[in-house]
Amino acid sequence: MLNYQNAFEIELKKLIGTEIERLKENLSNGLSVVDYADYKHQVGRIKGLLWAIEACDESNSILSQK
């Protein structure tokens, strides 16, 4: 059975993953990008969200070693 923290992490990763996919889809169809600066901003958002998932995984790794 999942405790609150595990359930929270799973749901957070799902929400982040959904947002990443939405941003990727918007970039691929080209309709949401106004100019190169906007494109860079969207790619930066994706990169930041991917980092958040990596930070969750690294935090789990650190905590499991304690």
Foldseek 3Di string as FASTA:
>chain_A
DDDPVVVVLVVVLVVLVVVLVVLVVCVVVVPVDDDPVSVVVSVVSSVVSVVVNVVVVVVVVVVVVD
